[in-house]
Amino acid sequence: MSVLVVVEHDRGTLADASLEAFAFARSIAEQLGEPVEALLIGADAVGLADICSAHGAAVAHHASIAGHSVGDYGPEAYGMVVALLAARLSPSGIVASGTDRGNEVLAQAAAELDLPFVANCVSVKTDHVWELTRVQWGGSLNEEARLASRLPIVSVAHHAVEAEEVAAGATATITEHVVELPEWVSRSVIQDRVVLSEGLTLATAPVVIGGGRGVGSAEGFNVLEALAARLGGVVGCSRAVTNNGWRPHSDQVGQTGTRIAPQLYIACGISGAIQHWVGAKAAKKILAINIDPAANMVVKADYAVIGDLFEVLPAIEQG
């Protein structure tokens, strides 16, 4: 018996969120007194086995899809692989990251196994049933739930736990599995990709400079761009900004935009509506710059400067 982590990757490039899933799985495995094991799907995933081992996986199960047209990622194919391997390995629980991919793969697997699936958990206590805390309503509400299932299937909310390497330099033990899938699962496989941007993104940048309605115009973002360039970061914005057509939706931070977790988030002229706060609260430190000392973002931030952003930002950039 073990806690099985479904590893998310993109053509062999590991998703950082999977390392959070390992940390979450270790906390469950310690309660059960069982090891953590990894499930790697696809030929290009086998090279990730040592990383999984360094993050606590005792064994890495590598699943290859035999004689099939599934080449790239597909939720139905991956979900069926998880279901088939669950039947072979009989784990005590299955964990994946609470990203779009992680959630949809586990949802497919749970449907295939006719079992419940609980998404976006932040903590688990194991007993004869699992007691779960999960985020709801975009992170504005915590739900307490109990899961009675012969095989608990859960995802961990993105940024809810810290990834931690526990066995640096460890070499993985790899177990190979070959699975056969029906041809129909290839109907939902990625066929093509279009690169919209390269380099740092909102999701990966160590520093994000966010602008809200207080920036005043599209041209007003020039001062944010200058500071972002100086700090090696990127510029984001609030929903009000995209609604006004000042920035594209791809720049939006929030519940309906991108959820960020930089080392530093500088929120400029942003009131801090709950939808925006949900997308930014995982930042390690938040600095709010606003003329309103009672703004929600100012009240919740780690640090605040009460003043005109067009005076404060140039002073920071030049300093």
Protein backbone atom coordinates (compact mmCIF):
# COMPACT_ATOMS: atom_id res chain seq x y z
CA MET A 1 0.00 0.00 0.00
CA SER A 2 1.16 3.54 -0.70
CA VAL A 3 0.03 7.07 -1.49
CA LEU A 4 0.33 7.48 -5.25
CA VAL A 5 1.20 10.88 -6.74
CA VAL A 6 0.17 11.50 -10.35
CA VAL A 7 3.00 13.63 -11.72
CA GLU A 8 2.07 16.50 -14.01
CA HIS A 9 4.49 17.33 -16.80
CA ASP A 10 4.47 18.89 -20.24
CA ARG A 11 6.46 16.81 -22.73
CA GLY A 12 8.95 15.85 -20.03
CA THR A 13 9.11 19.22 -18.26
CA LEU A 14 7.91 18.84 -14.69
CA ALA A 15 5.17 21.14 -13.40
CA ASP A 16 6.33 22.77 -10.17
CA ALA A 17 2.87 22.13 -8.73
CA SER A 18 3.64 18.40 -8.73
CA LEU A 19 6.34 19.02 -6.13
CA GLU A 20 3.64 20.51 -3.91
CA ALA A 21 1.62 17.34 -4.50
CA PHE A 22 4.55 15.28 -3.19
CA ALA A 23 4.73 17.38 -0.03
CA PHE A 24 0.99 16.93 0.47
CA ALA A 25 1.19 13.19 -0.18
CA ARG A 26 4.03 12.83 2.34
CA SER A 27 1.86 14.35 5.06
CA ILE A 28 -0.84 11.77 4.29
CA ALA A 29 1.62 8.88 4.01
CA GLU A 30 3.15 9.70 7.39
CA GLN A 31 -0.28 9.41 9.01
CA LEU A 32 -0.87 6.06 7.31
CA GLY A 33 2.64 4.75 7.91
CA GLU A 34 3.06 4.06 4.20
CA PRO A 35 5.47 5.16 1.46
CA VAL A 36 4.87 7.69 -1.30
CA GLU A 37 5.09 6.47 -4.88
CA ALA A 38 4.99 8.37 -8.17
CA LEU A 39 3.11 7.72 -11.39
CA LEU A 40 4.77 9.03 -14.55
CA ILE A 41 2.73 8.81 -17.75
CA GLY A 42 4.23 8.89 -21.24
CA ALA A 43 7.58 8.06 -22.79
CA ASP A 44 9.01 11.53 -22.16
CA ALA A 45 8.25 11.40 -18.42
CA VAL A 46 10.72 8.73 -17.36
CA GLY A 47 13.53 11.28 -16.98
CA LEU A 48 11.64 12.85 -14.07
CA ALA A 49 12.00 9.79 -11.84
CA ASP A 50 15.02 11.06 -9.88
CA ILE A 51 13.27 14.36 -9.12
CA CYS A 52 10.33 12.37 -7.76
CA SER A 53 12.71 10.35 -5.62
CA ALA A 54 14.31 13.51 -4.24
CA HIS A 55 10.85 14.63 -3.17
CA GLY A 56 10.05 11.44 -1.32
CA ALA A 57 8.92 8.86 -3.87
CA ALA A 58 10.10 5.38 -2.88
CA VAL A 59 9.21 4.02 -6.34
CA ALA A 60 8.46 5.70 -9.67
CA HIS A 61 5.92 3.81 -11.78
CA HIS A 62 6.40 4.64 -15.45
CA ALA A 63 3.37 3.96 -17.64
CA SER A 64 3.78 3.65 -21.39
CA ILE A 65 0.77 3.55 -23.70
CA ALA A 66 1.15 0.61 -26.08
CA GLY A 67 0.52 0.91 -29.79
CA HIS A 68 -1.67 3.96 -29.55
CA SER A 69 -2.06 7.28 -31.31
CA VAL A 70 -1.96 9.17 -27.99
CA GLY A 71 1.29 11.11 -28.18
CA ASP A 72 0.74 14.37 -26.33
CA TYR A 73 -1.29 15.05 -23.20
CA GLY A 74 -4.93 14.00 -23.17
CA PRO A 75 -7.18 14.05 -20.09
CA GLU A 76 -9.21 10.97 -21.02
CA ALA A 77 -6.11 8.95 -21.84
CA TYR A 78 -4.23 10.02 -18.72
CA GLY A 79 -7.30 9.50 -16.55
CA MET A 80 -7.74 5.97 -17.83
CA VAL A 81 -4.05 5.22 -17.22
CA VAL A 82 -4.47 6.36 -13.61
CA ALA A 83 -7.54 4.14 -13.22
CA LEU A 84 -5.79 1.09 -14.68
CA LEU A 85 -2.67 1.57 -12.55
CA ALA A 86 -4.81 2.08 -9.44
CA ALA A 87 -6.29 -1.37 -10.06
CA ARG A 88 -2.81 -2.88 -10.42
CA LEU A 89 -1.09 -1.10 -7.53
CA SER A 90 -3.96 -0.84 -5.00
CA PRO A 91 -2.78 2.42 -3.40
CA SER A 92 -4.30 3.78 -0.20
CA GLY A 93 -4.93 7.11 -1.90
CA ILE A 94 -4.21 9.07 -5.07
CA VAL A 95 -2.96 12.66 -5.04
CA ALA A 96 -2.28 15.19 -7.80
CA SER A 97 -1.76 18.94 -8.03
CA GLY A 98 -4.86 21.12 -8.07
CA THR A 99 -4.02 22.65 -11.44
CA ASP A 100 -6.35 22.48 -14.42
CA ARG A 101 -4.57 19.37 -15.66
CA GLY A 102 -4.27 17.73 -12.27
CA ASN A 103 -7.95 18.19 -11.51
CA GLU A 104 -9.20 17.03 -14.89
CA VAL A 105 -7.02 13.90 -14.91
CA LEU A 106 -8.22 12.88 -11.44
CA ALA A 107 -11.81 13.67 -12.41
CA GLN A 108 -11.48 11.36 -15.42
CA ALA A 109 -9.89 8.63 -13.30
CA ALA A 110 -12.55 8.91 -10.61
CA ALA A 111 -15.31 8.66 -13.22
CA GLU A 112 -13.65 5.58 -14.69
CA LEU A 113 -13.42 3.98 -11.22
CA ASP A 114 -16.89 5.19 -10.18
CA LEU A 115 -15.43 6.87 -7.09
CA PRO A 116 -15.69 10.36 -5.58
CA PHE A 117 -12.99 12.95 -6.20
CA VAL A 118 -12.27 15.90 -3.90
CA ALA A 119 -10.44 18.84 -5.46
CA ASN A 120 -8.33 21.66 -4.03
CA CYS A 121 -7.61 20.29 -0.54
CA VAL A 122 -5.36 22.11 1.90
CA SER A 123 -5.19 19.48 4.65
CA VAL A 124 -6.11 15.85 5.27
CA LYS A 125 -6.51 13.85 8.47
CA THR A 126 -6.73 10.12 7.87
CA ASP A 127 -8.87 7.78 9.95
CA HIS A 128 -11.46 5.21 8.96
CA VAL A 129 -12.65 8.11 6.78
CA TRP A 130 -10.54 11.01 5.55
CA GLU A 131 -11.31 14.41 7.07
CA LEU A 132 -10.56 17.09 4.50
CA THR A 133 -10.27 20.85 4.40
CA ARG A 134 -10.67 22.23 0.90
CA VAL A 135 -10.96 25.69 -0.62
CA GLN A 136 -14.19 26.75 -2.26
CA TRP A 137 -15.49 29.88 -4.00
CA GLY A 138 -12.12 30.73 -5.48
CA GLY A 139 -10.31 30.51 -2.15
CA SER A 140 -12.65 32.78 -0.16
CA LEU A 141 -14.18 29.89 1.81
CA ASN A 142 -12.79 26.75 3.50
CA GLU A 143 -15.00 23.68 3.52
CA GLU A 144 -14.70 20.83 6.04
CA ALA A 145 -15.69 17.47 4.57
CA ARG A 146 -15.45 13.76 5.26
CA LEU A 147 -14.62 11.31 2.49
CA ALA A 148 -15.66 7.68 2.85
CA SER A 149 -14.22 5.83 -0.13
CA ARG A 150 -12.38 2.59 -0.79
CA LEU A 151 -9.81 4.70 -2.66
CA PRO A 152 -9.62 8.40 -1.72
CA ILE A 153 -8.74 10.58 -4.71
CA VAL A 154 -7.77 14.17 -3.93
CA SER A 155 -5.91 17.11 -5.40
CA VAL A 156 -3.99 19.69 -3.37
CA ALA A 157 -4.85 23.35 -3.86
CA HIS A 158 -2.12 25.11 -5.83
CA HIS A 159 0.28 27.02 -3.51
CA ALA A 160 -1.42 25.57 -0.40
CA VAL A 161 1.74 23.74 0.69
CA GLU A 162 5.46 24.32 0.22
CA ALA A 163 7.44 21.90 -1.93
CA GLU A 164 10.46 20.48 -0.13
CA GLU A 165 13.27 18.24 -1.32
CA VAL A 166 13.73 15.50 1.30
CA ALA A 167 16.28 13.17 -0.29
CA ALA A 168 18.71 15.21 -2.38
CA GLY A 169 20.66 13.12 -4.86
CA ALA A 170 18.47 10.04 -4.45
CA THR A 171 18.23 7.68 -7.41
CA ALA A 172 14.78 6.42 -8.25
CA THR A 173 13.64 2.84 -8.43
CA ILE A 174 11.63 2.65 -11.65
CA THR A 175 8.91 0.10 -12.33
CA GLU A 176 7.75 -0.12 -15.93
CA HIS A 177 4.10 -0.63 -16.89
CA VAL A 178 2.57 -0.97 -20.33
CA VAL A 179 -1.11 -0.13 -20.66
CA GLU A 180 -3.50 -0.53 -23.57
CA LEU A 181 -6.23 2.02 -24.11
CA PRO A 182 -9.24 2.14 -26.41
CA GLU A 183 -8.74 4.28 -29.48
CA TRP A 184 -11.55 6.68 -28.55
CA VAL A 185 -9.52 8.32 -25.77
CA SER A 186 -7.44 10.04 -28.45
CA ARG A 187 -10.38 12.36 -29.21
CA SER A 188 -9.22 14.78 -26.48
CA VAL A 189 -5.45 14.85 -27.05
CA ILE A 190 -3.50 18.07 -27.69
CA GLN A 191 -3.01 18.39 -31.44
CA ASP A 192 -1.16 21.70 -31.77
CA ARG A 193 0.38 24.47 -29.68
CA VAL A 194 0.71 28.22 -30.17
CA VAL A 195 3.26 30.13 -28.11
CA LEU A 196 1.71 33.41 -26.99
CA SER A 197 4.74 34.57 -25.01
CA GLU A 198 8.20 33.42 -24.05
CA GLY A 199 10.32 33.97 -20.98
CA LEU A 200 8.85 35.03 -17.65
CA THR A 201 5.10 34.83 -17.18
CA LEU A 202 2.75 35.89 -14.42
CA ALA A 203 2.78 32.35 -13.09
CA THR A 204 6.58 32.04 -12.99
CA ALA A 205 7.94 35.55 -12.37
CA PRO A 206 9.69 36.17 -9.02
CA VAL A 207 8.36 39.74 -8.99
CA VAL A 208 4.99 40.96 -10.28
CA ILE A 209 4.01 44.63 -10.53
CA GLY A 210 0.24 44.86 -10.65
CA GLY A 211 -1.77 47.87 -11.72
CA GLY A 212 -5.41 48.66 -11.06
CA ARG A 213 -7.94 51.33 -11.87
CA GLY A 214 -5.73 53.85 -10.06
CA VAL A 215 -3.16 53.68 -12.88
CA GLY A 216 -5.64 55.71 -14.90
CA SER A 217 -4.89 54.65 -18.47
CA ALA A 218 -3.01 52.22 -20.69
CA GLU A 219 -0.17 54.73 -20.94
CA GLY A 220 0.02 54.87 -17.16
CA PHE A 221 1.41 51.35 -17.15
CA ASN A 222 4.70 52.61 -18.63
CA VAL A 223 5.99 53.38 -15.15
CA LEU A 224 5.08 49.86 -13.99
CA GLU A 225 6.86 48.37 -17.00
CA ALA A 226 10.00 50.36 -16.15
CA LEU A 227 10.07 49.09 -12.58
CA ALA A 228 9.35 45.52 -13.67
CA ALA A 229 12.31 45.66 -16.06
CA ARG A 230 14.53 46.98 -13.29
CA LEU A 231 13.47 44.22 -10.87
CA GLY A 232 13.43 41.36 -13.38
CA GLY A 233 9.68 40.92 -13.11
CA VAL A 234 6.50 41.21 -15.16
CA VAL A 235 3.44 43.45 -15.13
CA GLY A 236 -0.02 42.25 -14.17
CA CYS A 237 -3.33 44.00 -13.67
CA SER A 238 -6.75 43.85 -12.08
CA ARG A 239 -10.01 42.96 -13.77
CA ALA A 240 -11.04 46.62 -13.91
CA VAL A 241 -8.03 47.28 -16.12
CA THR A 242 -8.93 44.54 -18.61
CA ASN A 243 -12.56 45.68 -18.59
CA ASN A 244 -11.36 49.15 -19.60
CA GLY A 245 -9.25 47.67 -22.40
CA TRP A 246 -5.95 48.96 -21.00
CA ARG A 247 -4.31 45.52 -20.80
CA PRO A 248 -5.12 42.07 -22.29
CA HIS A 249 -6.86 39.41 -20.21
CA SER A 250 -3.63 37.39 -20.19
CA ASP A 251 -2.21 40.03 -17.82
CA GLN A 252 -5.04 39.73 -15.31
CA VAL A 253 -4.27 38.54 -11.79
CA GLY A 254 -7.22 37.05 -9.95
CA GLN A 255 -9.80 34.34 -9.61
CA THR A 256 -10.77 34.64 -13.27
CA GLY A 257 -7.23 35.42 -14.37
CA THR A 258 -3.86 34.01 -13.29
CA ARG A 259 -3.10 32.98 -9.72
CA ILE A 260 0.40 34.11 -8.87
CA ALA A 261 2.94 33.17 -6.20
CA PRO A 262 5.96 35.47 -6.68
CA GLN A 263 8.48 36.38 -4.03
CA LEU A 264 7.13 39.93 -4.20
CA TYR A 265 3.87 41.38 -5.51
CA ILE A 266 3.65 45.17 -5.77
CA ALA A 267 0.00 46.19 -6.10
CA CYS A 268 -0.33 49.72 -7.48
CA GLY A 269 -3.64 51.56 -7.42
CA ILE A 270 -5.54 48.31 -6.76
CA SER A 271 -8.42 48.38 -4.30
CA GLY A 272 -8.17 44.65 -3.62
CA ALA A 273 -11.53 43.09 -4.45
CA ILE A 274 -11.85 39.51 -3.21
CA GLN A 275 -11.43 38.08 -6.73
CA HIS A 276 -8.10 39.86 -7.12
CA TRP A 277 -6.96 38.96 -3.61
CA VAL A 278 -7.63 35.26 -4.26
CA GLY A 279 -5.26 35.40 -7.23
CA ALA A 280 -2.50 37.26 -5.38
CA LYS A 281 -2.58 35.98 -1.79
CA ALA A 282 -0.02 33.21 -2.42
CA ALA A 283 2.70 35.84 -2.97
CA LYS A 284 5.42 35.58 -0.33
CA LYS A 285 5.29 39.33 0.33
CA ILE A 286 2.83 41.97 -0.86
CA LEU A 287 3.55 45.69 -1.08
CA ALA A 288 0.53 47.91 -1.71
CA ILE A 289 0.88 51.43 -3.12
CA ASN A 290 -2.33 53.40 -2.90
CA ILE A 291 -3.66 56.83 -1.98
CA ASP A 292 -6.43 55.20 0.09
CA PRO A 293 -5.18 53.87 3.47
CA ALA A 294 -8.43 51.95 3.93
CA ALA A 295 -8.24 50.04 0.62
CA ASN A 296 -8.60 46.30 1.10
CA MET A 297 -5.25 45.62 -0.56
CA VAL A 298 -3.52 48.09 1.76
CA VAL A 299 -5.11 46.56 4.85
CA LYS A 300 -4.15 42.99 3.86
CA ALA A 301 -0.67 43.69 2.45
CA ASP A 302 2.54 42.97 4.34
CA TYR A 303 3.76 46.49 3.58
CA ALA A 304 2.05 49.60 2.29
CA VAL A 305 3.02 53.01 0.96
CA ILE A 306 0.26 55.62 1.07
CA GLY A 307 0.93 57.90 -1.83
CA ASP A 308 0.69 58.60 -5.54
CA LEU A 309 2.03 55.61 -7.48
CA PHE A 310 3.42 57.96 -10.14
CA GLU A 311 5.66 59.49 -7.49
CA VAL A 312 6.45 56.32 -5.54
CA LEU A 313 7.33 53.97 -8.43
CA PRO A 314 9.88 56.28 -10.14
CA ALA A 315 11.52 56.83 -6.74
CA ILE A 316 11.86 53.06 -6.29
CA GLU A 317 13.07 52.55 -9.86
CA GLN A 318 15.70 55.25 -9.59
CA GLY A 319 16.82 54.19 -6.13
